Amino acid sequence: MPIYLPTPAPKTGGPDGQGWTRLSIGAMGALANDECALRPRTWAALRESQDTRRARYGGFGPCHRADDCDTCPVLRGRPRTLTALDDRVLVRIHPHDGHLYLMNRPEDGWASGAQRWTWAEVARIDGWDIGRQHRDEHSDGFWLIRAV
């Protein structure tokens, strides 16, 4: 399964024949990094991280091992476990900082007790499937469904 997602090469063409136009983000420095398919940053990337054959560049965190996946701490780390009384858990995405919060009582909004998790932890959760997106008056989010 592909985990290492290299930065796409610029398309040849454009006025200089090398893919550069007059305005280029690449001219500001190395802003684009190789990515790791196990470090999602959005719900769509999280879905792709569950079967990395579908993963494509964009929406993932940077790869810090430069295609040396054998020593990657994200890949070699133990999966995270979640114990919950219900078979569905709402994960809220904080609207200001994008952090994830697993909600105890989602109907209470942000007044509910919550556990803060990272996108990479949710991607490596054991015994749960990534469910549908959720949106209410409190925030965006998605459901975790207990795998049977």
Protein backbone atom coordinates (compact mmCIF):
# COMPACT_ATOMS: atom_id res chain seq x y z
CA MET A 1 0.00 0.00 0.00
CA PRO A 2 1.44 3.40 -0.89
CA ILE A 3 2.07 5.51 2.17
CA TYR A 4 4.70 7.90 0.84
CA LEU A 5 3.14 10.57 -1.38
CA PRO A 6 5.82 12.56 -3.22
CA THR A 7 5.26 16.16 -4.22
CA PRO A 8 3.90 16.20 -7.78
CA ALA A 9 6.32 17.44 -10.41
CA PRO A 10 5.25 20.63 -12.17
CA LYS A 11 3.71 20.11 -15.58
CA THR A 12 5.93 21.10 -18.45
CA GLY A 13 4.56 23.89 -20.53
CA GLY A 14 3.81 27.46 -19.73
CA PRO A 15 5.71 30.44 -21.11
CA ASP A 16 9.15 29.07 -20.18
CA GLY A 17 8.53 25.44 -21.19
CA GLN A 18 9.26 24.21 -17.65
CA GLY A 19 5.80 24.57 -16.14
CA TRP A 20 6.41 27.95 -14.54
CA THR A 21 4.02 30.81 -15.04
CA ARG A 22 4.66 34.41 -14.12
CA LEU A 23 3.23 33.87 -10.65
CA SER A 24 4.61 30.81 -8.95
CA ILE A 25 4.20 29.65 -5.39
CA GLY A 26 7.34 27.58 -5.92
CA ALA A 27 9.29 30.81 -6.36
CA MET A 28 8.62 31.65 -2.71
CA GLY A 29 10.62 28.66 -1.53
CA ALA A 30 10.03 25.01 -0.88
CA LEU A 31 6.44 25.29 0.32
CA ALA A 32 5.38 21.88 -0.96
CA ASN A 33 6.53 18.82 0.96
CA ASP A 34 6.21 15.11 0.42
CA GLU A 35 3.25 13.75 2.38
CA CYS A 36 2.45 10.69 4.49
CA ALA A 37 -0.87 8.95 3.78
CA LEU A 38 -1.12 8.05 7.49
CA ARG A 39 -1.25 11.71 8.57
CA PRO A 40 -4.63 13.02 7.32
CA ARG A 41 -5.76 16.59 7.95
CA THR A 42 -9.33 16.43 6.64
CA TRP A 43 -12.25 14.01 6.71
CA ALA A 44 -11.74 13.16 3.02
CA ALA A 45 -8.05 12.41 3.60
CA LEU A 46 -9.01 10.38 6.68
CA ARG A 47 -11.21 8.18 4.48
CA GLU A 48 -8.35 7.76 2.02
CA SER A 49 -5.94 6.85 4.83
CA GLN A 50 -8.10 3.81 5.68
CA ASP A 51 -7.11 2.28 2.33
CA THR A 52 -3.98 4.08 1.21
CA ARG A 53 -4.27 2.70 -2.32
CA ARG A 54 -6.82 5.52 -2.81
CA ALA A 55 -4.56 8.16 -1.23
CA ARG A 56 -3.39 10.99 -3.44
CA TYR A 57 -1.24 14.01 -2.75
CA GLY A 58 -2.95 16.83 -0.87
CA GLY A 59 -4.73 16.80 2.48
CA PHE A 60 -2.06 14.91 4.41
CA GLY A 61 0.69 15.94 6.80
CA PRO A 62 4.35 16.03 5.83
CA CYS A 63 6.51 12.92 5.54
CA HIS A 64 9.50 13.27 7.84
CA ARG A 65 11.30 10.10 6.71
CA ALA A 66 11.72 10.85 2.98
CA ASP A 67 10.28 7.55 1.75
CA ASP A 68 11.93 5.50 4.54
CA CYS A 69 8.64 4.01 5.74
CA ASP A 70 10.38 1.17 7.62
CA THR A 71 11.48 3.59 10.35
CA CYS A 72 8.33 5.73 10.35
CA PRO A 73 6.98 6.19 13.90
CA VAL A 74 3.45 6.75 12.58
CA LEU A 75 3.43 3.41 10.73
CA ARG A 76 5.21 1.50 13.50
CA GLY A 77 3.16 3.03 16.34
CA ARG A 78 0.52 0.99 18.10
CA PRO A 79 -3.07 1.62 17.04
CA ARG A 80 -5.11 3.74 19.44
CA THR A 81 -8.01 2.10 21.26
CA LEU A 82 -11.29 3.67 22.27
CA THR A 83 -13.64 2.35 24.91
CA ALA A 84 -17.12 3.76 24.65
CA LEU A 85 -20.53 2.68 25.88
CA ASP A 86 -22.25 3.49 22.61
CA ASP A 87 -21.64 2.03 19.15
CA ARG A 88 -21.41 5.53 17.64
CA VAL A 89 -19.13 8.33 18.78
CA LEU A 90 -19.24 11.84 17.36
CA VAL A 91 -15.93 13.46 16.51
CA ARG A 92 -16.27 17.25 16.41
CA ILE A 93 -13.82 19.39 14.48
CA HIS A 94 -13.08 22.58 16.39
CA PRO A 95 -13.99 25.49 14.06
CA HIS A 96 -11.00 27.66 15.02
CA ASP A 97 -8.03 25.31 15.33
CA GLY A 98 -9.21 22.16 13.49
CA HIS A 99 -8.46 19.86 16.44
CA LEU A 100 -10.62 16.78 16.92
CA TYR A 101 -12.74 16.12 20.02
CA LEU A 102 -14.52 12.84 20.71
CA MET A 103 -17.75 13.86 22.39
CA ASN A 104 -19.34 12.13 25.36
CA ARG A 105 -22.80 13.64 24.79
CA PRO A 106 -22.89 15.19 21.31
CA GLU A 107 -26.36 16.65 21.80
CA ASP A 108 -24.88 19.02 24.42
CA GLY A 109 -22.55 20.60 21.85
CA TRP A 110 -19.29 21.95 23.23
CA ALA A 111 -20.66 21.73 26.81
CA SER A 112 -20.21 17.94 26.64
CA GLY A 113 -17.21 16.14 28.04
CA ALA A 114 -14.68 15.40 25.32
CA GLN A 115 -11.33 13.78 24.58
CA ARG A 116 -8.92 15.59 22.29
CA TRP A 117 -7.38 13.39 19.59
CA THR A 118 -5.23 14.08 16.56
CA TRP A 119 -6.11 13.22 12.98
CA ALA A 120 -3.28 10.63 12.92
CA GLU A 121 -4.64 8.96 16.07
CA VAL A 122 -8.13 8.68 14.60
CA ALA A 123 -6.63 7.30 11.38
CA ARG A 124 -4.98 4.51 13.40
CA ILE A 125 -7.94 3.72 15.67
CA ASP A 126 -8.54 0.03 16.30
CA GLY A 127 -12.04 -1.50 16.23
CA TRP A 128 -13.86 1.51 14.78
CA ASP A 129 -14.83 2.56 11.26
CA ILE A 130 -14.95 6.10 9.92
CA GLY A 131 -18.59 7.04 9.41
CA ARG A 132 -20.51 9.80 7.70
CA GLN A 133 -19.88 13.48 8.04
CA HIS A 134 -21.97 15.42 10.56
CA ARG A 135 -22.92 19.07 10.77
CA ASP A 136 -25.04 20.85 13.34
CA GLU A 137 -25.28 24.28 14.94
CA HIS A 138 -22.17 23.59 17.04
CA SER A 139 -19.62 22.41 14.47
CA ASP A 140 -18.69 20.08 11.67
CA GLY A 141 -17.60 16.56 12.45
CA PHE A 142 -18.02 12.91 11.63
CA TRP A 143 -19.06 9.67 13.26
CA LEU A 144 -17.00 6.74 14.41
CA ILE A 145 -18.90 3.45 14.17
CA ARG A 146 -17.87 0.44 16.24
CA ALA A 147 -16.70 -2.37 13.94
CA VAL A 148 -18.59 -5.58 14.54
